[in-house]
All heavy atoms as atom14 arrays in JSON, in Angstrom:
{
  "sequence": "PYALIDAAVVQRLAGVPEVALTTKSIPHPYEDGMAEEWISTH",
  "atom14_mask": [
    [1, 1, 1, 1, 1, 1, 1, 0, 0, 0, 0, 0, 0, 0],
    [1, 1, 1, 1, 1, 1, 1, 1, 1, 1, 1, 1, 0, 0],
    [1, 1, 1, 1, 1, 0, 0, 0, 0, 0, 0, 0, 0, 0],
    [1, 1, 1, 1, 1, 1, 1, 1, 0, 0, 0, 0, 0, 0],
    [1, 1, 1, 1, 1, 1, 1, 1, 0, 0, 0, 0, 0, 0],
    [1, 1, 1, 1, 1, 1, 1, 1, 0, 0, 0, 0, 0, 0],
    [1, 1, 1, 1, 1, 0, 0, 0, 0, 0, 0, 0, 0, 0],
    [1, 1, 1, 1, 1, 0, 0, 0, 0, 0, 0, 0, 0, 0],
    [1, 1, 1, 1, 1, 1, 1, 0, 0, 0, 0, 0, 0, 0],
    [1, 1, 1, 1, 1, 1, 1, 0, 0, 0, 0, 0, 0, 0],
    [1, 1, 1, 1, 1, 1, 1, 1, 1, 0, 0, 0, 0, 0],
    [1, 1, 1, 1, 1, 1, 1, 1, 1, 1, 1, 0, 0, 0],
    [1, 1, 1, 1, 1, 1, 1, 1, 0, 0, 0, 0, 0, 0],
    [1, 1, 1, 1, 1, 0, 0, 0, 0, 0, 0, 0, 0, 0],
    [1, 1, 1, 1, 0, 0, 0, 0, 0, 0, 0, 0, 0, 0],
    [1, 1, 1, 1, 1, 1, 1, 0, 0, 0, 0, 0, 0, 0],
    [1, 1, 1, 1, 1, 1, 1, 0, 0, 0, 0, 0, 0, 0],
    [1, 1, 1, 1, 1, 1, 1, 1, 1, 0, 0, 0, 0, 0],
    [1, 1, 1, 1, 1, 1, 1, 0, 0, 0, 0, 0, 0, 0],
    [1, 1, 1, 1, 1, 0, 0, 0, 0, 0, 0, 0, 0, 0],
    [1, 1, 1, 1, 1, 1, 1, 1, 0, 0, 0, 0, 0, 0],
    [1, 1, 1, 1, 1, 1, 1, 0, 0, 0, 0, 0, 0, 0],
    [1, 1, 1, 1, 1, 1, 1, 0, 0, 0, 0, 0, 0, 0],
    [1, 1, 1, 1, 1, 1, 1, 1, 1, 0, 0, 0, 0, 0],
    [1, 1, 1, 1, 1, 1, 0, 0, 0, 0, 0, 0, 0, 0],
    [1, 1, 1, 1, 1, 1, 1, 1, 0, 0, 0, 0, 0, 0],
    [1, 1, 1, 1, 1, 1, 1, 0, 0, 0, 0, 0, 0, 0],
    [1, 1, 1, 1, 1, 1, 1, 1, 1, 1, 0, 0, 0, 0],
    [1, 1, 1, 1, 1, 1, 1, 0, 0, 0, 0, 0, 0, 0],
    [1, 1, 1, 1, 1, 1, 1, 1, 1, 1, 1, 1, 0, 0],
    [1, 1, 1, 1, 1, 1, 1, 1, 1, 0, 0, 0, 0, 0],
    [1, 1, 1, 1, 1, 1, 1, 1, 0, 0, 0, 0, 0, 0],
    [1, 1, 1, 1, 0, 0, 0, 0, 0, 0, 0, 0, 0, 0],
    [1, 1, 1, 1, 1, 1, 1, 1, 0, 0, 0, 0, 0, 0],
    [1, 1, 1, 1, 1, 0, 0, 0, 0, 0, 0, 0, 0, 0],
    [1, 1, 1, 1, 1, 1, 1, 1, 1, 0, 0, 0, 0, 0],
    [1, 1, 1, 1, 1, 1, 1, 1, 1, 0, 0, 0, 0, 0],
    [1, 1, 1, 1, 1, 1, 1, 1, 1, 1, 1, 1, 1, 1],
    [1, 1, 1, 1, 1, 1, 1, 1, 0, 0, 0, 0, 0, 0],
    [1, 1, 1, 1, 1, 1, 0, 0, 0, 0, 0, 0, 0, 0],
    [1, 1, 1, 1, 1, 1, 1, 0, 0, 0, 0, 0, 0, 0],
    [1, 1, 1, 1, 1, 1, 1, 1, 1, 1, 0, 0, 0, 0]
  ],
  "atom14_positions": [
    [[101.83, 94.85, 112.02], [101.51, 96.19, 111.51], [101.92, 97.26, 112.52], [101.86, 97.05, 113.73], [99.98, 96.16, 111.37], [99.63, 94.71, 111.3], [100.65, 93.99, 112.12], [0.0, 0.0, 0.0], [0.0, 0.0, 0.0], [0.0, 0.0, 0.0], [0.0, 0.0, 0.0], [0.0, 0.0, 0.0], [0.0, 0.0, 0.0], [0.0, 0.0, 0.0]],
    [[102.34, 98.39, 112.0], [102.62, 99.54, 112.86], [101.32, 100.1, 113.4], [100.28, 100.04, 112.75], [103.32, 100.64, 112.06], [104.82, 100.51, 112.03], [105.47, 100.03, 110.91], [105.58, 100.9, 113.12], [106.86, 99.93, 110.86], [106.96, 100.8, 113.1], [107.58, 100.32, 111.98], [108.96, 100.22, 111.95], [0.0, 0.0, 0.0], [0.0, 0.0, 0.0]],
    [[101.4, 100.68, 114.6], [100.32, 101.44, 115.2], [100.83, 102.87, 115.39], [102.04, 103.08, 115.51], [99.91, 100.83, 116.53], [0.0, 0.0, 0.0], [0.0, 0.0, 0.0], [0.0, 0.0, 0.0], [0.0, 0.0, 0.0], [0.0, 0.0, 0.0], [0.0, 0.0, 0.0], [0.0, 0.0, 0.0], [0.0, 0.0, 0.0], [0.0, 0.0, 0.0]],
    [[99.93, 103.83, 115.45], [100.35, 105.22, 115.63], [101.18, 105.41, 116.9], [102.05, 106.28, 116.95], [99.14, 106.15, 115.62], [98.52, 106.38, 114.25], [97.28, 107.26, 114.35], [99.52, 106.97, 113.27], [0.0, 0.0, 0.0], [0.0, 0.0, 0.0], [0.0, 0.0, 0.0], [0.0, 0.0, 0.0], [0.0, 0.0, 0.0], [0.0, 0.0, 0.0]],
    [[100.95, 104.58, 117.9], [101.73, 104.67, 119.13], [103.21, 104.39, 118.91], [104.06, 104.77, 119.71], [101.13, 103.74, 120.22], [101.67, 104.14, 121.6], [101.41, 102.28, 119.9], [100.92, 103.52, 122.74], [0.0, 0.0, 0.0], [0.0, 0.0, 0.0], [0.0, 0.0, 0.0], [0.0, 0.0, 0.0], [0.0, 0.0, 0.0], [0.0, 0.0, 0.0]],
    [[103.56, 103.76, 117.78], [104.96, 103.45, 117.44], [105.69, 104.64, 116.82], [106.9, 104.57, 116.59], [105.02, 102.28, 116.45], [104.43, 101.01, 116.99], [104.65, 100.7, 118.18], [103.74, 100.3, 116.21], [0.0, 0.0, 0.0], [0.0, 0.0, 0.0], [0.0, 0.0, 0.0], [0.0, 0.0, 0.0], [0.0, 0.0, 0.0], [0.0, 0.0, 0.0]],
    [[104.99, 105.72, 116.54], [105.58, 106.83, 115.79], [106.82, 107.42, 116.47], [107.81, 107.71, 115.8], [104.54, 107.92, 115.55], [0.0, 0.0, 0.0], [0.0, 0.0, 0.0], [0.0, 0.0, 0.0], [0.0, 0.0, 0.0], [0.0, 0.0, 0.0], [0.0, 0.0, 0.0], [0.0, 0.0, 0.0], [0.0, 0.0, 0.0], [0.0, 0.0, 0.0]],
    [[106.79, 107.6, 117.76], [107.93, 108.21, 118.45], [109.19, 107.35, 118.32], [110.29, 107.87, 118.09], [107.6, 108.45, 119.92], [0.0, 0.0, 0.0], [0.0, 0.0, 0.0], [0.0, 0.0, 0.0], [0.0, 0.0, 0.0], [0.0, 0.0, 0.0], [0.0, 0.0, 0.0], [0.0, 0.0, 0.0], [0.0, 0.0, 0.0], [0.0, 0.0, 0.0]],
    [[109.03, 106.04, 118.43], [110.21, 105.16, 118.3], [110.7, 105.12, 116.86], [111.91, 105.07, 116.61], [109.95, 103.75, 118.88], [109.05, 102.91, 118.03], [111.26, 103.03, 119.13], [0.0, 0.0, 0.0], [0.0, 0.0, 0.0], [0.0, 0.0, 0.0], [0.0, 0.0, 0.0], [0.0, 0.0, 0.0], [0.0, 0.0, 0.0], [0.0, 0.0, 0.0]],
    [[109.79, 105.19, 115.88], [110.21, 105.25, 114.47], [111.03, 106.51, 114.25], [112.12, 106.46, 113.66], [108.99, 105.22, 113.52], [109.39, 105.59, 112.1], [108.32, 103.86, 113.55], [0.0, 0.0, 0.0], [0.0, 0.0, 0.0], [0.0, 0.0, 0.0], [0.0, 0.0, 0.0], [0.0, 0.0, 0.0], [0.0, 0.0, 0.0], [0.0, 0.0, 0.0]],
    [[110.55, 107.63, 114.73], [111.27, 108.89, 114.55], [112.64, 108.82, 115.22], [113.64, 109.24, 114.64], [110.47, 110.05, 115.12], [111.12, 111.4, 114.92], [110.28, 112.55, 115.43], [109.22, 112.37, 116.0], [110.77, 113.76, 115.22], [0.0, 0.0, 0.0], [0.0, 0.0, 0.0], [0.0, 0.0, 0.0], [0.0, 0.0, 0.0], [0.0, 0.0, 0.0]],
    [[112.71, 108.26, 116.41], [113.97, 108.16, 117.15], [114.95, 107.22, 116.46], [116.13, 107.54, 116.3], [113.7, 107.69, 118.57], [114.95, 107.59, 119.43], [114.64, 107.27, 120.89], [113.72, 106.17, 121.1], [114.04, 104.88, 121.05], [115.28, 104.51, 120.79], [113.14, 103.94, 121.27], [0.0, 0.0, 0.0], [0.0, 0.0, 0.0], [0.0, 0.0, 0.0]],
    [[114.49, 106.05, 116.01], [115.39, 105.05, 115.41], [115.78, 105.38, 113.98], [116.94, 105.26, 113.6], [114.75, 103.66, 115.46], [114.58, 103.01, 116.81], [113.84, 101.69, 116.68], [115.92, 102.81, 117.5], [0.0, 0.0, 0.0], [0.0, 0.0, 0.0], [0.0, 0.0, 0.0], [0.0, 0.0, 0.0], [0.0, 0.0, 0.0], [0.0, 0.0, 0.0]],
    [[114.8, 105.77, 113.16], [115.07, 105.99, 111.74], [115.72, 107.33, 111.47], [116.42, 107.49, 110.46], [113.76, 105.89, 110.95], [0.0, 0.0, 0.0], [0.0, 0.0, 0.0], [0.0, 0.0, 0.0], [0.0, 0.0, 0.0], [0.0, 0.0, 0.0], [0.0, 0.0, 0.0], [0.0, 0.0, 0.0], [0.0, 0.0, 0.0], [0.0, 0.0, 0.0]],
    [[115.52, 108.28, 112.36], [115.99, 109.62, 112.1], [117.46, 109.89, 112.39], [117.97, 110.95, 112.04], [0.0, 0.0, 0.0], [0.0, 0.0, 0.0], [0.0, 0.0, 0.0], [0.0, 0.0, 0.0], [0.0, 0.0, 0.0], [0.0, 0.0, 0.0], [0.0, 0.0, 0.0], [0.0, 0.0, 0.0], [0.0, 0.0, 0.0], [0.0, 0.0, 0.0]],
    [[118.15, 108.94, 112.99], [119.57, 109.17, 113.26], [120.36, 109.07, 111.95], [119.99, 108.31, 111.05], [120.14, 108.2, 114.33], [119.41, 108.36, 115.65], [120.09, 106.77, 113.85], [0.0, 0.0, 0.0], [0.0, 0.0, 0.0], [0.0, 0.0, 0.0], [0.0, 0.0, 0.0], [0.0, 0.0, 0.0], [0.0, 0.0, 0.0], [0.0, 0.0, 0.0]],
    [[121.44, 109.82, 111.83], [122.19, 109.8, 110.56], [122.66, 108.42, 110.14], [122.64, 108.09, 108.95], [123.39, 110.72, 110.85], [122.96, 111.59, 111.96], [121.99, 110.78, 112.78], [0.0, 0.0, 0.0], [0.0, 0.0, 0.0], [0.0, 0.0, 0.0], [0.0, 0.0, 0.0], [0.0, 0.0, 0.0], [0.0, 0.0, 0.0], [0.0, 0.0, 0.0]],
    [[123.07, 107.57, 111.08], [123.57, 106.24, 110.74], [122.54, 105.43, 109.95], [122.9, 104.61, 109.12], [123.97, 105.46, 112.0], [125.15, 106.03, 112.73], [124.76, 107.11, 113.76], [123.6, 107.56, 113.77], [125.64, 107.5, 114.53], [0.0, 0.0, 0.0], [0.0, 0.0, 0.0], [0.0, 0.0, 0.0], [0.0, 0.0, 0.0], [0.0, 0.0, 0.0]],
    [[121.26, 105.63, 110.23], [120.2, 104.92, 109.53], [119.71, 105.72, 108.32], [119.7, 105.23, 107.19], [119.02, 104.6, 110.48], [117.85, 103.98, 109.72], [119.47, 103.67, 111.6], [0.0, 0.0, 0.0], [0.0, 0.0, 0.0], [0.0, 0.0, 0.0], [0.0, 0.0, 0.0], [0.0, 0.0, 0.0], [0.0, 0.0, 0.0], [0.0, 0.0, 0.0]],
    [[119.31, 106.95, 108.55], [118.69, 107.75, 107.49], [119.6, 107.94, 106.29], [119.15, 107.88, 105.14], [118.26, 109.1, 108.05], [0.0, 0.0, 0.0], [0.0, 0.0, 0.0], [0.0, 0.0, 0.0], [0.0, 0.0, 0.0], [0.0, 0.0, 0.0], [0.0, 0.0, 0.0], [0.0, 0.0, 0.0], [0.0, 0.0, 0.0], [0.0, 0.0, 0.0]],
    [[120.87, 108.16, 106.52], [121.76, 108.49, 105.41], [122.2, 107.28, 104.59], [122.91, 107.43, 103.6], [122.98, 109.27, 105.93], [122.62, 110.6, 106.61], [123.87, 111.31, 107.1], [121.78, 111.49, 105.72], [0.0, 0.0, 0.0], [0.0, 0.0, 0.0], [0.0, 0.0, 0.0], [0.0, 0.0, 0.0], [0.0, 0.0, 0.0], [0.0, 0.0, 0.0]],
    [[121.77, 106.07, 104.98], [122.08, 104.88, 104.18], [120.88, 104.44, 103.34], [120.9, 103.36, 102.75], [122.53, 103.71, 105.08], [121.47, 103.38, 105.97], [123.79, 104.06, 105.84], [0.0, 0.0, 0.0], [0.0, 0.0, 0.0], [0.0, 0.0, 0.0], [0.0, 0.0, 0.0], [0.0, 0.0, 0.0], [0.0, 0.0, 0.0], [0.0, 0.0, 0.0]],
    [[119.83, 105.27, 103.3], [118.63, 104.95, 102.52], [118.28, 106.13, 101.62], [118.71, 107.25, 101.85], [117.42, 104.66, 103.42], [116.97, 105.89, 103.99], [117.74, 103.66, 104.51], [0.0, 0.0, 0.0], [0.0, 0.0, 0.0], [0.0, 0.0, 0.0], [0.0, 0.0, 0.0], [0.0, 0.0, 0.0], [0.0, 0.0, 0.0], [0.0, 0.0, 0.0]],
    [[117.45, 105.85, 100.63], [116.98, 106.93, 99.77], [115.67, 107.53, 100.27], [115.31, 108.64, 99.92], [116.8, 106.44, 98.33], [115.68, 105.45, 98.15], [115.48, 105.1, 96.67], [114.45, 104.04, 96.46], [113.11, 104.37, 96.88], [0.0, 0.0, 0.0], [0.0, 0.0, 0.0], [0.0, 0.0, 0.0], [0.0, 0.0, 0.0], [0.0, 0.0, 0.0]],
    [[114.96, 106.81, 101.13], [113.61, 107.23, 101.46], [113.39, 107.75, 102.88], [112.37, 108.34, 103.15], [112.64, 106.08, 101.19], [113.01, 104.95, 101.96], [0.0, 0.0, 0.0], [0.0, 0.0, 0.0], [0.0, 0.0, 0.0], [0.0, 0.0, 0.0], [0.0, 0.0, 0.0], [0.0, 0.0, 0.0], [0.0, 0.0, 0.0], [0.0, 0.0, 0.0]],
    [[114.33, 107.54, 103.78], [114.14, 108.02, 105.14], [114.64, 109.46, 105.21], [115.8, 109.73, 104.91], [114.88, 107.14, 106.18], [114.27, 105.73, 106.18], [114.79, 107.76, 107.57], [114.97, 104.76, 107.1], [0.0, 0.0, 0.0], [0.0, 0.0, 0.0], [0.0, 0.0, 0.0], [0.0, 0.0, 0.0], [0.0, 0.0, 0.0], [0.0, 0.0, 0.0]],
    [[113.77, 110.39, 105.61], [114.18, 111.79, 105.66], [115.15, 112.06, 106.81], [115.15, 111.37, 107.82], [112.86, 112.54, 105.89], [111.92, 111.54, 106.45], [112.37, 110.19, 105.99], [0.0, 0.0, 0.0], [0.0, 0.0, 0.0], [0.0, 0.0, 0.0], [0.0, 0.0, 0.0], [0.0, 0.0, 0.0], [0.0, 0.0, 0.0], [0.0, 0.0, 0.0]],
    [[115.99, 113.06, 106.6], [116.88, 113.53, 107.66], [117.02, 115.02, 107.52], [117.43, 115.48, 106.46], [118.24, 112.84, 107.58], [119.11, 113.19, 108.74], [118.89, 112.69, 109.99], [120.16, 114.03, 108.83], [119.8, 113.18, 110.81], [120.58, 114.0, 110.12], [0.0, 0.0, 0.0], [0.0, 0.0, 0.0], [0.0, 0.0, 0.0], [0.0, 0.0, 0.0]],
    [[116.65, 115.81, 108.5], [116.14, 115.36, 109.8], [114.73, 114.79, 109.69], [113.99, 115.1, 108.77], [116.16, 116.62, 110.65], [116.1, 117.74, 109.67], [116.76, 117.27, 108.41], [0.0, 0.0, 0.0], [0.0, 0.0, 0.0], [0.0, 0.0, 0.0], [0.0, 0.0, 0.0], [0.0, 0.0, 0.0], [0.0, 0.0, 0.0], [0.0, 0.0, 0.0]],
    [[114.41, 113.93, 110.63], [113.09, 113.27, 110.68], [112.21, 114.14, 111.58], [112.31, 114.09, 112.8], [113.24, 111.86, 111.25], [112.19, 110.88, 110.79], [112.54, 109.81, 109.99], [110.87, 111.02, 111.16], [111.6, 108.89, 109.57], [109.92, 110.1, 110.75], [110.29, 109.05, 109.95], [109.34, 108.14, 109.53], [0.0, 0.0, 0.0], [0.0, 0.0, 0.0]],
    [[111.37, 114.94, 110.96], [110.57, 115.95, 111.66], [109.37, 115.33, 112.39], [108.89, 114.25, 112.01], [110.05, 116.99, 110.66], [111.12, 117.65, 109.82], [111.95, 118.67, 110.58], [111.49, 119.15, 111.64], [113.06, 118.97, 110.11], [0.0, 0.0, 0.0], [0.0, 0.0, 0.0], [0.0, 0.0, 0.0], [0.0, 0.0, 0.0], [0.0, 0.0, 0.0]],
    [[108.89, 116.04, 113.4], [107.67, 115.63, 114.11], [106.53, 115.48, 113.11], [106.39, 116.3, 112.19], [107.29, 116.67, 115.17], [108.24, 116.69, 116.35], [109.03, 115.73, 116.51], [108.19, 117.67, 117.11], [0.0, 0.0, 0.0], [0.0, 0.0, 0.0], [0.0, 0.0, 0.0], [0.0, 0.0, 0.0], [0.0, 0.0, 0.0], [0.0, 0.0, 0.0]],
    [[105.74, 114.44, 113.27], [104.58, 114.19, 112.42], [104.87, 113.31, 111.21], [103.94, 112.73, 110.64], [0.0, 0.0, 0.0], [0.0, 0.0, 0.0], [0.0, 0.0, 0.0], [0.0, 0.0, 0.0], [0.0, 0.0, 0.0], [0.0, 0.0, 0.0], [0.0, 0.0, 0.0], [0.0, 0.0, 0.0], [0.0, 0.0, 0.0], [0.0, 0.0, 0.0]],
    [[106.13, 113.21, 110.8], [106.46, 112.4, 109.62], [106.17, 110.92, 109.86], [105.68, 110.24, 108.96], [107.92, 112.58, 109.23], [108.24, 113.91, 108.61], [110.01, 113.99, 108.22], [110.03, 115.41, 107.15], [0.0, 0.0, 0.0], [0.0, 0.0, 0.0], [0.0, 0.0, 0.0], [0.0, 0.0, 0.0], [0.0, 0.0, 0.0], [0.0, 0.0, 0.0]],
    [[106.5, 110.42, 111.03], [106.28, 109.0, 111.32], [104.79, 108.68, 111.33], [104.36, 107.66, 110.78], [106.93, 108.61, 112.64], [0.0, 0.0, 0.0], [0.0, 0.0, 0.0], [0.0, 0.0, 0.0], [0.0, 0.0, 0.0], [0.0, 0.0, 0.0], [0.0, 0.0, 0.0], [0.0, 0.0, 0.0], [0.0, 0.0, 0.0], [0.0, 0.0, 0.0]],
    [[103.99, 109.55, 111.94], [102.54, 109.32, 111.96], [101.97, 109.3, 110.55], [101.14, 108.44, 110.21], [101.83, 110.42, 112.78], [102.08, 110.34, 114.27], [103.34, 111.08, 114.72], [104.16, 111.51, 113.87], [103.51, 111.21, 115.94], [0.0, 0.0, 0.0], [0.0, 0.0, 0.0], [0.0, 0.0, 0.0], [0.0, 0.0, 0.0], [0.0, 0.0, 0.0]],
    [[102.43, 110.24, 109.72], [101.96, 110.3, 108.34], [102.34, 109.01, 107.59], [101.53, 108.43, 106.87], [102.56, 111.52, 107.64], [102.08, 111.7, 106.22], [102.67, 112.94, 105.57], [102.99, 113.9, 106.27], [102.81, 112.91, 104.33], [0.0, 0.0, 0.0], [0.0, 0.0, 0.0], [0.0, 0.0, 0.0], [0.0, 0.0, 0.0], [0.0, 0.0, 0.0]],
    [[103.58, 108.56, 107.76], [104.07, 107.35, 107.1], [103.27, 106.13, 107.56], [102.8, 105.34, 106.73], [105.56, 107.19, 107.4], [106.2, 105.95, 106.9], [106.45, 105.62, 105.59], [106.69, 104.87, 107.69], [107.07, 104.39, 105.54], [107.22, 103.92, 106.81], [106.73, 104.62, 109.05], [107.79, 102.73, 107.25], [107.3, 103.45, 109.5], [107.82, 102.52, 108.6]],
    [[103.08, 105.98, 108.86], [102.32, 104.84, 109.4], [100.89, 104.84, 108.87], [100.35, 103.78, 108.55], [102.36, 104.85, 110.94], [103.77, 104.51, 111.43], [101.33, 103.88, 111.53], [104.0, 104.78, 112.92], [0.0, 0.0, 0.0], [0.0, 0.0, 0.0], [0.0, 0.0, 0.0], [0.0, 0.0, 0.0], [0.0, 0.0, 0.0], [0.0, 0.0, 0.0]],
    [[100.31, 106.01, 108.71], [98.91, 106.08, 108.27], [98.71, 105.62, 106.82], [97.58, 105.36, 106.41], [98.38, 107.51, 108.43], [98.93, 108.37, 107.45], [0.0, 0.0, 0.0], [0.0, 0.0, 0.0], [0.0, 0.0, 0.0], [0.0, 0.0, 0.0], [0.0, 0.0, 0.0], [0.0, 0.0, 0.0], [0.0, 0.0, 0.0], [0.0, 0.0, 0.0]],
    [[99.79, 105.45, 106.06], [99.66, 104.99, 104.67], [99.69, 103.47, 104.52], [99.34, 102.95, 103.46], [100.8, 105.56, 103.81], [102.06, 105.01, 104.24], [100.85, 107.08, 103.87], [0.0, 0.0, 0.0], [0.0, 0.0, 0.0], [0.0, 0.0, 0.0], [0.0, 0.0, 0.0], [0.0, 0.0, 0.0], [0.0, 0.0, 0.0], [0.0, 0.0, 0.0]],
    [[100.12, 102.75, 105.54], [100.39, 101.32, 105.41], [99.16, 100.49, 105.06], [99.22, 99.62, 104.18], [101.05, 100.76, 106.66], [102.39, 101.37, 106.93], [103.07, 101.17, 108.1], [103.19, 102.17, 106.18], [104.21, 101.81, 108.07], [104.31, 102.43, 106.91], [0.0, 0.0, 0.0], [0.0, 0.0, 0.0], [0.0, 0.0, 0.0], [0.0, 0.0, 0.0]]
  ]
}
């Protein structure tokens, strides 16, 4: 399971164009707070 402490790495890894632009659901740009919000739903 993800922990909130993982949010910064999620934002860094998922938010780059190479990753985000190959999916329908990863936002780009990946704004501050988005990863924490996403993790909190799991």
